[in-house]
All heavy atoms as atom14 arrays in JSON, in Angstrom:
{
  "sequence": "GRGVVDFDAVLTALPDGFDGWFVIEVDVPNLPTPTESSAASLSFLR",
  "atom14_mask": [
    [1, 1, 1, 1, 0, 0, 0, 0, 0, 0, 0, 0, 0, 0],
    [1, 1, 1, 1, 1, 1, 1, 1, 1, 1, 1, 0, 0, 0],
    [1, 1, 1, 1, 0, 0, 0, 0, 0, 0, 0, 0, 0, 0],
    [1, 1, 1, 1, 1, 1, 1, 0, 0, 0, 0, 0, 0, 0],
    [1, 1, 1, 1, 1, 1, 1, 0, 0, 0, 0, 0, 0, 0],
    [1, 1, 1, 1, 1, 1, 1, 1, 0, 0, 0, 0, 0, 0],
    [1, 1, 1, 1, 1, 1, 1, 1, 1, 1, 1, 0, 0, 0],
    [1, 1, 1, 1, 1, 1, 1, 1, 0, 0, 0, 0, 0, 0],
    [1, 1, 1, 1, 1, 0, 0, 0, 0, 0, 0, 0, 0, 0],
    [1, 1, 1, 1, 1, 1, 1, 0, 0, 0, 0, 0, 0, 0],
    [1, 1, 1, 1, 1, 1, 1, 1, 0, 0, 0, 0, 0, 0],
    [1, 1, 1, 1, 1, 1, 1, 0, 0, 0, 0, 0, 0, 0],
    [1, 1, 1, 1, 1, 0, 0, 0, 0, 0, 0, 0, 0, 0],
    [1, 1, 1, 1, 1, 1, 1, 1, 0, 0, 0, 0, 0, 0],
    [1, 1, 1, 1, 1, 1, 1, 0, 0, 0, 0, 0, 0, 0],
    [1, 1, 1, 1, 1, 1, 1, 1, 0, 0, 0, 0, 0, 0],
    [1, 1, 1, 1, 0, 0, 0, 0, 0, 0, 0, 0, 0, 0],
    [1, 1, 1, 1, 1, 1, 1, 1, 1, 1, 1, 0, 0, 0],
    [1, 1, 1, 1, 1, 1, 1, 1, 0, 0, 0, 0, 0, 0],
    [1, 1, 1, 1, 0, 0, 0, 0, 0, 0, 0, 0, 0, 0],
    [1, 1, 1, 1, 1, 1, 1, 1, 1, 1, 1, 1, 1, 1],
    [1, 1, 1, 1, 1, 1, 1, 1, 1, 1, 1, 0, 0, 0],
    [1, 1, 1, 1, 1, 1, 1, 0, 0, 0, 0, 0, 0, 0],
    [1, 1, 1, 1, 1, 1, 1, 1, 0, 0, 0, 0, 0, 0],
    [1, 1, 1, 1, 1, 1, 1, 1, 1, 0, 0, 0, 0, 0],
    [1, 1, 1, 1, 1, 1, 1, 0, 0, 0, 0, 0, 0, 0],
    [1, 1, 1, 1, 1, 1, 1, 1, 0, 0, 0, 0, 0, 0],
    [1, 1, 1, 1, 1, 1, 1, 0, 0, 0, 0, 0, 0, 0],
    [1, 1, 1, 1, 1, 1, 1, 0, 0, 0, 0, 0, 0, 0],
    [1, 1, 1, 1, 1, 1, 1, 1, 0, 0, 0, 0, 0, 0],
    [1, 1, 1, 1, 1, 1, 1, 1, 0, 0, 0, 0, 0, 0],
    [1, 1, 1, 1, 1, 1, 1, 0, 0, 0, 0, 0, 0, 0],
    [1, 1, 1, 1, 1, 1, 1, 0, 0, 0, 0, 0, 0, 0],
    [1, 1, 1, 1, 1, 1, 1, 0, 0, 0, 0, 0, 0, 0],
    [1, 1, 1, 1, 1, 1, 1, 0, 0, 0, 0, 0, 0, 0],
    [1, 1, 1, 1, 1, 1, 1, 1, 1, 0, 0, 0, 0, 0],
    [1, 1, 1, 1, 1, 1, 0, 0, 0, 0, 0, 0, 0, 0],
    [1, 1, 1, 1, 1, 1, 0, 0, 0, 0, 0, 0, 0, 0],
    [1, 1, 1, 1, 1, 0, 0, 0, 0, 0, 0, 0, 0, 0],
    [1, 1, 1, 1, 1, 0, 0, 0, 0, 0, 0, 0, 0, 0],
    [1, 1, 1, 1, 1, 1, 0, 0, 0, 0, 0, 0, 0, 0],
    [1, 1, 1, 1, 1, 1, 1, 1, 0, 0, 0, 0, 0, 0],
    [1, 1, 1, 1, 1, 1, 0, 0, 0, 0, 0, 0, 0, 0],
    [1, 1, 1, 1, 1, 1, 1, 1, 1, 1, 1, 0, 0, 0],
    [1, 1, 1, 1, 1, 1, 1, 1, 0, 0, 0, 0, 0, 0],
    [1, 1, 1, 1, 1, 1, 1, 1, 1, 1, 1, 0, 0, 0]
  ],
  "atom14_positions": [
    [[10.03, -4.55, 5.08], [8.87, -3.69, 5.25], [9.21, -2.23, 5.43], [8.33, -1.37, 5.41], [0.0, 0.0, 0.0], [0.0, 0.0, 0.0], [0.0, 0.0, 0.0], [0.0, 0.0, 0.0], [0.0, 0.0, 0.0], [0.0, 0.0, 0.0], [0.0, 0.0, 0.0], [0.0, 0.0, 0.0], [0.0, 0.0, 0.0], [0.0, 0.0, 0.0]],
    [[10.5, -1.91, 5.61], [10.93, -0.53, 5.8], [11.57, 0.04, 4.53], [11.91, 1.2, 4.49], [11.91, -0.43, 6.96], [11.3, -0.86, 8.29], [12.23, -0.65, 9.47], [12.44, 0.79, 9.64], [13.63, 1.35, 9.82], [14.73, 0.61, 9.86], [13.76, 2.65, 9.95], [0.0, 0.0, 0.0], [0.0, 0.0, 0.0], [0.0, 0.0, 0.0]],
    [[11.72, -0.8, 3.52], [12.38, -0.38, 2.28], [11.42, -0.4, 1.1], [10.22, -0.2, 1.27], [0.0, 0.0, 0.0], [0.0, 0.0, 0.0], [0.0, 0.0, 0.0], [0.0, 0.0, 0.0], [0.0, 0.0, 0.0], [0.0, 0.0, 0.0], [0.0, 0.0, 0.0], [0.0, 0.0, 0.0], [0.0, 0.0, 0.0], [0.0, 0.0, 0.0]],
    [[11.97, -0.67, -0.07], [11.2, -0.54, -1.3], [10.82, -1.87, -1.97], [10.14, -1.88, -2.99], [11.94, 0.34, -2.34], [12.08, 1.75, -1.83], [13.29, -0.25, -2.71], [0.0, 0.0, 0.0], [0.0, 0.0, 0.0], [0.0, 0.0, 0.0], [0.0, 0.0, 0.0], [0.0, 0.0, 0.0], [0.0, 0.0, 0.0], [0.0, 0.0, 0.0]],
    [[11.21, -2.99, -1.4], [10.87, -4.28, -2.01], [9.36, -4.49, -1.89], [8.76, -4.29, -0.83], [11.63, -5.44, -1.34], [11.11, -6.78, -1.82], [13.12, -5.31, -1.61], [0.0, 0.0, 0.0], [0.0, 0.0, 0.0], [0.0, 0.0, 0.0], [0.0, 0.0, 0.0], [0.0, 0.0, 0.0], [0.0, 0.0, 0.0], [0.0, 0.0, 0.0]],
    [[8.75, -4.88, -3.0], [7.31, -5.16, -3.03], [7.1, -6.61, -2.59], [7.02, -7.52, -3.4], [6.77, -4.92, -4.44], [5.27, -5.13, -4.54], [4.64, -5.59, -3.56], [4.72, -4.84, -5.62], [0.0, 0.0, 0.0], [0.0, 0.0, 0.0], [0.0, 0.0, 0.0], [0.0, 0.0, 0.0], [0.0, 0.0, 0.0], [0.0, 0.0, 0.0]],
    [[7.01, -6.81, -1.27], [6.87, -8.16, -0.75], [5.54, -8.79, -1.14], [5.44, -10.01, -1.26], [7.08, -8.2, 0.76], [8.51, -8.03, 1.16], [8.97, -6.86, 1.72], [9.43, -9.05, 0.94], [10.3, -6.7, 2.07], [10.76, -8.91, 1.28], [11.19, -7.73, 1.85], [0.0, 0.0, 0.0], [0.0, 0.0, 0.0], [0.0, 0.0, 0.0]],
    [[4.5, -7.98, -1.36], [3.24, -8.54, -1.82], [3.45, -9.26, -3.16], [2.98, -10.38, -3.35], [2.18, -7.45, -1.97], [1.7, -6.89, -0.64], [1.82, -7.6, 0.38], [1.22, -5.75, -0.62], [0.0, 0.0, 0.0], [0.0, 0.0, 0.0], [0.0, 0.0, 0.0], [0.0, 0.0, 0.0], [0.0, 0.0, 0.0], [0.0, 0.0, 0.0]],
    [[4.17, -8.63, -4.07], [4.43, -9.24, -5.37], [5.31, -10.48, -5.23], [5.06, -11.5, -5.88], [5.1, -8.23, -6.31], [0.0, 0.0, 0.0], [0.0, 0.0, 0.0], [0.0, 0.0, 0.0], [0.0, 0.0, 0.0], [0.0, 0.0, 0.0], [0.0, 0.0, 0.0], [0.0, 0.0, 0.0], [0.0, 0.0, 0.0], [0.0, 0.0, 0.0]],
    [[6.31, -10.42, -4.38], [7.21, -11.56, -4.18], [6.42, -12.75, -3.63], [6.52, -13.87, -4.14], [8.36, -11.2, -3.22], [9.15, -12.44, -2.84], [9.26, -10.14, -3.84], [0.0, 0.0, 0.0], [0.0, 0.0, 0.0], [0.0, 0.0, 0.0], [0.0, 0.0, 0.0], [0.0, 0.0, 0.0], [0.0, 0.0, 0.0], [0.0, 0.0, 0.0]],
    [[5.62, -12.5, -2.62], [4.89, -13.6, -1.98], [3.75, -14.12, -2.85], [3.46, -15.32, -2.84], [4.39, -13.15, -0.61], [5.52, -12.8, 0.36], [4.99, -12.1, 1.6], [6.33, -14.03, 0.73], [0.0, 0.0, 0.0], [0.0, 0.0, 0.0], [0.0, 0.0, 0.0], [0.0, 0.0, 0.0], [0.0, 0.0, 0.0], [0.0, 0.0, 0.0]],
    [[3.13, -13.24, -3.63], [2.08, -13.66, -4.55], [2.65, -14.56, -5.64], [1.95, -15.44, -6.16], [1.4, -12.43, -5.18], [0.81, -11.66, -4.13], [0.33, -12.81, -6.17], [0.0, 0.0, 0.0], [0.0, 0.0, 0.0], [0.0, 0.0, 0.0], [0.0, 0.0, 0.0], [0.0, 0.0, 0.0], [0.0, 0.0, 0.0], [0.0, 0.0, 0.0]],
    [[3.9, -14.38, -5.98], [4.53, -15.18, -7.03], [4.82, -16.61, -6.58], [5.09, -17.47, -7.42], [5.82, -14.51, -7.5], [0.0, 0.0, 0.0], [0.0, 0.0, 0.0], [0.0, 0.0, 0.0], [0.0, 0.0, 0.0], [0.0, 0.0, 0.0], [0.0, 0.0, 0.0], [0.0, 0.0, 0.0], [0.0, 0.0, 0.0], [0.0, 0.0, 0.0]],
    [[4.76, -16.86, -5.29], [5.0, -18.22, -4.8], [3.85, -19.14, -5.19], [2.71, -18.7, -5.29], [5.15, -18.21, -3.27], [6.39, -17.51, -2.74], [6.31, -17.39, -1.22], [7.65, -18.24, -3.15], [0.0, 0.0, 0.0], [0.0, 0.0, 0.0], [0.0, 0.0, 0.0], [0.0, 0.0, 0.0], [0.0, 0.0, 0.0], [0.0, 0.0, 0.0]],
    [[4.14, -20.42, -5.37], [3.06, -21.35, -5.72], [2.08, -21.51, -4.56], [2.45, -21.34, -3.39], [3.79, -22.66, -6.01], [5.1, -22.55, -5.3], [5.43, -21.09, -5.27], [0.0, 0.0, 0.0], [0.0, 0.0, 0.0], [0.0, 0.0, 0.0], [0.0, 0.0, 0.0], [0.0, 0.0, 0.0], [0.0, 0.0, 0.0], [0.0, 0.0, 0.0]],
    [[0.84, -21.81, -4.88], [-0.16, -22.09, -3.84], [0.34, -23.22, -2.96], [0.91, -24.2, -3.45], [-1.5, -22.48, -4.47], [-2.17, -21.32, -5.17], [-1.87, -20.16, -4.84], [-3.01, -21.59, -6.06], [0.0, 0.0, 0.0], [0.0, 0.0, 0.0], [0.0, 0.0, 0.0], [0.0, 0.0, 0.0], [0.0, 0.0, 0.0], [0.0, 0.0, 0.0]],
    [[0.16, -23.08, -1.67], [0.57, -24.12, -0.74], [2.06, -24.17, -0.48], [2.55, -25.15, 0.1], [0.0, 0.0, 0.0], [0.0, 0.0, 0.0], [0.0, 0.0, 0.0], [0.0, 0.0, 0.0], [0.0, 0.0, 0.0], [0.0, 0.0, 0.0], [0.0, 0.0, 0.0], [0.0, 0.0, 0.0], [0.0, 0.0, 0.0], [0.0, 0.0, 0.0]],
    [[2.81, -23.14, -0.87], [4.25, -23.13, -0.63], [4.52, -23.38, 0.85], [3.95, -22.73, 1.72], [4.86, -21.79, -1.05], [6.32, -21.67, -0.74], [7.26, -22.32, -1.52], [6.75, -20.92, 0.34], [8.61, -22.23, -1.23], [8.11, -20.82, 0.64], [9.04, -21.48, -0.14], [0.0, 0.0, 0.0], [0.0, 0.0, 0.0], [0.0, 0.0, 0.0]],
    [[5.38, -24.34, 1.15], [5.68, -24.65, 2.55], [7.19, -24.69, 2.82], [7.65, -25.35, 3.73], [5.02, -25.96, 2.98], [5.58, -27.18, 2.26], [6.33, -27.0, 1.28], [5.25, -28.29, 2.67], [0.0, 0.0, 0.0], [0.0, 0.0, 0.0], [0.0, 0.0, 0.0], [0.0, 0.0, 0.0], [0.0, 0.0, 0.0], [0.0, 0.0, 0.0]],
    [[7.93, -23.95, 2.01], [9.37, -23.88, 2.21], [9.76, -22.92, 3.32], [8.92, -22.29, 3.94], [0.0, 0.0, 0.0], [0.0, 0.0, 0.0], [0.0, 0.0, 0.0], [0.0, 0.0, 0.0], [0.0, 0.0, 0.0], [0.0, 0.0, 0.0], [0.0, 0.0, 0.0], [0.0, 0.0, 0.0], [0.0, 0.0, 0.0], [0.0, 0.0, 0.0]],
    [[11.04, -22.81, 3.52], [11.59, -21.94, 4.55], [11.64, -20.5, 4.08], [11.83, -20.22, 2.9], [13.02, -22.37, 4.88], [13.11, -23.6, 5.71], [12.85, -24.88, 5.32], [13.51, -23.67, 7.07], [13.07, -25.73, 6.35], [13.48, -25.02, 7.45], [13.9, -22.72, 8.01], [13.81, -25.43, 8.72], [14.24, -23.15, 9.28], [14.19, -24.49, 9.62]],
    [[11.53, -19.59, 5.04], [11.77, -18.18, 4.8], [12.92, -17.76, 5.71], [12.96, -18.15, 6.88], [10.54, -17.33, 5.15], [9.42, -17.48, 4.17], [8.45, -18.45, 4.35], [9.34, -16.65, 3.07], [7.42, -18.59, 3.45], [8.31, -16.78, 2.16], [7.34, -17.76, 2.35], [0.0, 0.0, 0.0], [0.0, 0.0, 0.0], [0.0, 0.0, 0.0]],
    [[13.84, -17.0, 5.17], [14.97, -16.49, 5.94], [14.96, -14.97, 5.8], [14.91, -14.45, 4.69], [16.31, -17.05, 5.42], [17.48, -16.43, 6.16], [16.33, -18.56, 5.51], [0.0, 0.0, 0.0], [0.0, 0.0, 0.0], [0.0, 0.0, 0.0], [0.0, 0.0, 0.0], [0.0, 0.0, 0.0], [0.0, 0.0, 0.0], [0.0, 0.0, 0.0]],
    [[14.97, -14.28, 6.92], [15.07, -12.82, 6.9], [16.52, -12.47, 7.17], [17.12, -12.97, 8.12], [14.16, -12.17, 7.97], [12.7, -12.37, 7.6], [14.47, -10.68, 8.09], [11.74, -11.8, 8.6], [0.0, 0.0, 0.0], [0.0, 0.0, 0.0], [0.0, 0.0, 0.0], [0.0, 0.0, 0.0], [0.0, 0.0, 0.0], [0.0, 0.0, 0.0]],
    [[17.06, -11.6, 6.34], [18.44, -11.17, 6.53], [18.51, -9.65, 6.56], [17.95, -8.97, 5.71], [19.35, -11.67, 5.41], [20.78, -11.23, 5.6], [21.71, -11.71, 4.51], [21.26, -12.41, 3.58], [22.9, -11.38, 4.59], [0.0, 0.0, 0.0], [0.0, 0.0, 0.0], [0.0, 0.0, 0.0], [0.0, 0.0, 0.0], [0.0, 0.0, 0.0]],
    [[19.18, -9.14, 7.57], [19.53, -7.73, 7.65], [21.04, -7.73, 7.9], [21.49, -8.09, 8.98], [18.79, -7.01, 8.8], [19.21, -5.55, 8.88], [17.28, -7.13, 8.63], [0.0, 0.0, 0.0], [0.0, 0.0, 0.0], [0.0, 0.0, 0.0], [0.0, 0.0, 0.0], [0.0, 0.0, 0.0], [0.0, 0.0, 0.0], [0.0, 0.0, 0.0]],
    [[21.81, -7.38, 6.89], [23.28, -7.46, 7.01], [23.81, -6.65, 8.17], [24.59, -7.14, 8.98], [23.94, -6.98, 5.71], [23.69, -7.92, 4.57], [22.63, -7.81, 3.93], [24.54, -8.78, 4.32], [0.0, 0.0, 0.0], [0.0, 0.0, 0.0], [0.0, 0.0, 0.0], [0.0, 0.0, 0.0], [0.0, 0.0, 0.0], [0.0, 0.0, 0.0]],
    [[23.42, -5.4, 8.24], [23.81, -4.48, 9.31], [22.54, -3.78, 9.74], [21.88, -3.15, 8.9], [24.86, -3.45, 8.81], [25.19, -2.46, 9.91], [26.11, -4.14, 8.32], [0.0, 0.0, 0.0], [0.0, 0.0, 0.0], [0.0, 0.0, 0.0], [0.0, 0.0, 0.0], [0.0, 0.0, 0.0], [0.0, 0.0, 0.0], [0.0, 0.0, 0.0]],
    [[22.15, -3.88, 11.01], [20.9, -3.23, 11.43], [20.85, -1.77, 11.01], [21.81, -1.03, 11.16], [20.91, -3.37, 12.95], [21.74, -4.59, 13.2], [22.82, -4.54, 12.13], [0.0, 0.0, 0.0], [0.0, 0.0, 0.0], [0.0, 0.0, 0.0], [0.0, 0.0, 0.0], [0.0, 0.0, 0.0], [0.0, 0.0, 0.0], [0.0, 0.0, 0.0]],
    [[19.71, -1.4, 10.46], [19.49, -0.02, 10.07], [18.92, 0.75, 11.25], [18.94, 1.97, 11.25], [18.55, 0.04, 8.87], [18.68, 1.3, 8.09], [18.15, 2.32, 8.5], [19.37, 1.26, 6.96], [0.0, 0.0, 0.0], [0.0, 0.0, 0.0], [0.0, 0.0, 0.0], [0.0, 0.0, 0.0], [0.0, 0.0, 0.0], [0.0, 0.0, 0.0]],
    [[18.43, 0.05, 12.22], [17.92, 0.65, 13.45], [19.07, 0.72, 14.46], [20.11, 0.09, 14.26], [16.74, -0.17, 13.98], [15.5, -0.09, 13.08], [14.45, -1.1, 13.51], [14.91, 1.32, 13.11], [0.0, 0.0, 0.0], [0.0, 0.0, 0.0], [0.0, 0.0, 0.0], [0.0, 0.0, 0.0], [0.0, 0.0, 0.0], [0.0, 0.0, 0.0]],
    [[18.89, 1.46, 15.55], [20.01, 1.68, 16.48], [20.65, 0.43, 17.09], [21.86, 0.42, 17.35], [19.4, 2.56, 17.58], [18.29, 3.28, 16.89], [17.74, 2.29, 15.89], [0.0, 0.0, 0.0], [0.0, 0.0, 0.0], [0.0, 0.0, 0.0], [0.0, 0.0, 0.0], [0.0, 0.0, 0.0], [0.0, 0.0, 0.0], [0.0, 0.0, 0.0]],
    [[19.87, -0.65, 17.31], [20.45, -1.84, 17.94], [19.98, -3.11, 17.2], [18.92, -3.1, 16.56], [20.02, -1.97, 19.42], [18.61, -2.27, 19.47], [20.33, -0.69, 20.21], [0.0, 0.0, 0.0], [0.0, 0.0, 0.0], [0.0, 0.0, 0.0], [0.0, 0.0, 0.0], [0.0, 0.0, 0.0], [0.0, 0.0, 0.0], [0.0, 0.0, 0.0]],
    [[20.73, -4.19, 17.34], [20.3, -5.46, 16.76], [18.94, -5.92, 17.32], [18.14, -6.52, 16.6], [21.42, -6.44, 17.14], [22.62, -5.58, 17.29], [22.1, -4.29, 17.88], [0.0, 0.0, 0.0], [0.0, 0.0, 0.0], [0.0, 0.0, 0.0], [0.0, 0.0, 0.0], [0.0, 0.0, 0.0], [0.0, 0.0, 0.0], [0.0, 0.0, 0.0]],
    [[18.69, -5.64, 18.6], [17.41, -6.02, 19.2], [16.26, -5.3, 18.52], [15.23, -5.91, 18.2], [17.42, -5.72, 20.71], [18.48, -6.48, 21.31], [16.11, -6.09, 21.36], [0.0, 0.0, 0.0], [0.0, 0.0, 0.0], [0.0, 0.0, 0.0], [0.0, 0.0, 0.0], [0.0, 0.0, 0.0], [0.0, 0.0, 0.0], [0.0, 0.0, 0.0]],
    [[16.42, -4.0, 18.27], [15.37, -3.24, 17.58], [15.19, -3.73, 16.14], [14.07, -3.79, 15.63], [15.7, -1.75, 17.6], [15.58, -1.11, 18.97], [16.07, 0.32, 18.97], [15.25, 1.22, 18.67], [17.28, 0.52, 19.26], [0.0, 0.0, 0.0], [0.0, 0.0, 0.0], [0.0, 0.0, 0.0], [0.0, 0.0, 0.0], [0.0, 0.0, 0.0]],
    [[16.29, -4.08, 15.5], [16.23, -4.6, 14.14], [15.46, -5.92, 14.11], [14.6, -6.13, 13.25], [17.64, -4.78, 13.6], [17.61, -5.33, 12.31], [0.0, 0.0, 0.0], [0.0, 0.0, 0.0], [0.0, 0.0, 0.0], [0.0, 0.0, 0.0], [0.0, 0.0, 0.0], [0.0, 0.0, 0.0], [0.0, 0.0, 0.0], [0.0, 0.0, 0.0]],
    [[15.77, -6.8, 15.05], [15.07, -8.08, 15.13], [13.59, -7.88, 15.43], [12.74, -8.55, 14.83], [15.69, -8.96, 16.22], [17.02, -9.28, 15.89], [0.0, 0.0, 0.0], [0.0, 0.0, 0.0], [0.0, 0.0, 0.0], [0.0, 0.0, 0.0], [0.0, 0.0, 0.0], [0.0, 0.0, 0.0], [0.0, 0.0, 0.0], [0.0, 0.0, 0.0]],
    [[13.28, -6.96, 16.32], [11.88, -6.68, 16.66], [11.13, -6.13, 15.45], [9.97, -6.51, 15.2], [11.81, -5.7, 17.82], [0.0, 0.0, 0.0], [0.0, 0.0, 0.0], [0.0, 0.0, 0.0], [0.0, 0.0, 0.0], [0.0, 0.0, 0.0], [0.0, 0.0, 0.0], [0.0, 0.0, 0.0], [0.0, 0.0, 0.0], [0.0, 0.0, 0.0]],
    [[11.77, -5.27, 14.68], [11.13, -4.72, 13.47], [10.89, -5.82, 12.44], [9.84, -5.85, 11.78], [11.98, -3.61, 12.87], [0.0, 0.0, 0.0], [0.0, 0.0, 0.0], [0.0, 0.0, 0.0], [0.0, 0.0, 0.0], [0.0, 0.0, 0.0], [0.0, 0.0, 0.0], [0.0, 0.0, 0.0], [0.0, 0.0, 0.0], [0.0, 0.0, 0.0]],
    [[11.83, -6.74, 12.31], [11.68, -7.86, 11.36], [10.53, -8.77, 11.79], [9.71, -9.18, 10.96], [12.98, -8.65, 11.26], [14.02, -7.83, 10.75], [0.0, 0.0, 0.0], [0.0, 0.0, 0.0], [0.0, 0.0, 0.0], [0.0, 0.0, 0.0], [0.0, 0.0, 0.0], [0.0, 0.0, 0.0], [0.0, 0.0, 0.0], [0.0, 0.0, 0.0]],
    [[10.44, -9.07, 13.07], [9.34, -9.89, 13.58], [8.01, -9.16, 13.41], [7.0, -9.77, 13.03], [9.58, -10.24, 15.05], [8.48, -11.07, 15.72], [8.27, -12.4, 14.98], [8.83, -11.31, 17.19], [0.0, 0.0, 0.0], [0.0, 0.0, 0.0], [0.0, 0.0, 0.0], [0.0, 0.0, 0.0], [0.0, 0.0, 0.0], [0.0, 0.0, 0.0]],
    [[8.01, -7.87, 13.64], [6.79, -7.08, 13.46], [6.31, -7.14, 12.01], [5.11, -7.26, 11.75], [7.05, -5.62, 13.88], [5.91, -4.84, 13.64], [0.0, 0.0, 0.0], [0.0, 0.0, 0.0], [0.0, 0.0, 0.0], [0.0, 0.0, 0.0], [0.0, 0.0, 0.0], [0.0, 0.0, 0.0], [0.0, 0.0, 0.0], [0.0, 0.0, 0.0]],
    [[7.25, -7.09, 11.08], [6.88, -7.23, 9.66], [6.17, -8.56, 9.43], [5.12, -8.62, 8.78], [8.12, -7.13, 8.77], [7.9, -7.64, 7.37], [7.22, -6.87, 6.44], [8.35, -8.9, 7.0], [7.0, -7.34, 5.14], [8.14, -9.37, 5.72], [7.46, -8.6, 4.79], [0.0, 0.0, 0.0], [0.0, 0.0, 0.0], [0.0, 0.0, 0.0]],
    [[6.72, -9.64, 9.97], [6.1, -10.96, 9.8], [4.7, -10.99, 10.4], [3.77, -11.53, 9.79], [6.96, -12.04, 10.45], [8.27, -12.38, 9.79], [9.01, -13.41, 10.62], [8.06, -12.88, 8.38], [0.0, 0.0, 0.0], [0.0, 0.0, 0.0], [0.0, 0.0, 0.0], [0.0, 0.0, 0.0], [0.0, 0.0, 0.0], [0.0, 0.0, 0.0]],
    [[4.56, -10.41, 11.56], [3.25, -10.43, 12.23], [2.21, -9.57, 11.51], [1.03, -9.87, 11.56], [3.41, -9.99, 13.67], [4.09, -11.05, 14.5], [4.15, -10.66, 15.95], [4.6, -11.79, 16.75], [5.23, -11.69, 17.9], [5.48, -10.49, 18.42], [5.6, -12.76, 18.55], [0.0, 0.0, 0.0], [0.0, 0.0, 0.0], [0.0, 0.0, 0.0]]
  ]
}
């Protein structure tokens, strides 16, 4: 949600009723701490 990936397009491309797993990966936090990075990722989901 902080970069350029069009997540609306990615998620719209999923089949109706998709019930698979989602994994969020941030290789190296772009924010000052891992806690802030995790909070930002959760905020995106919410």
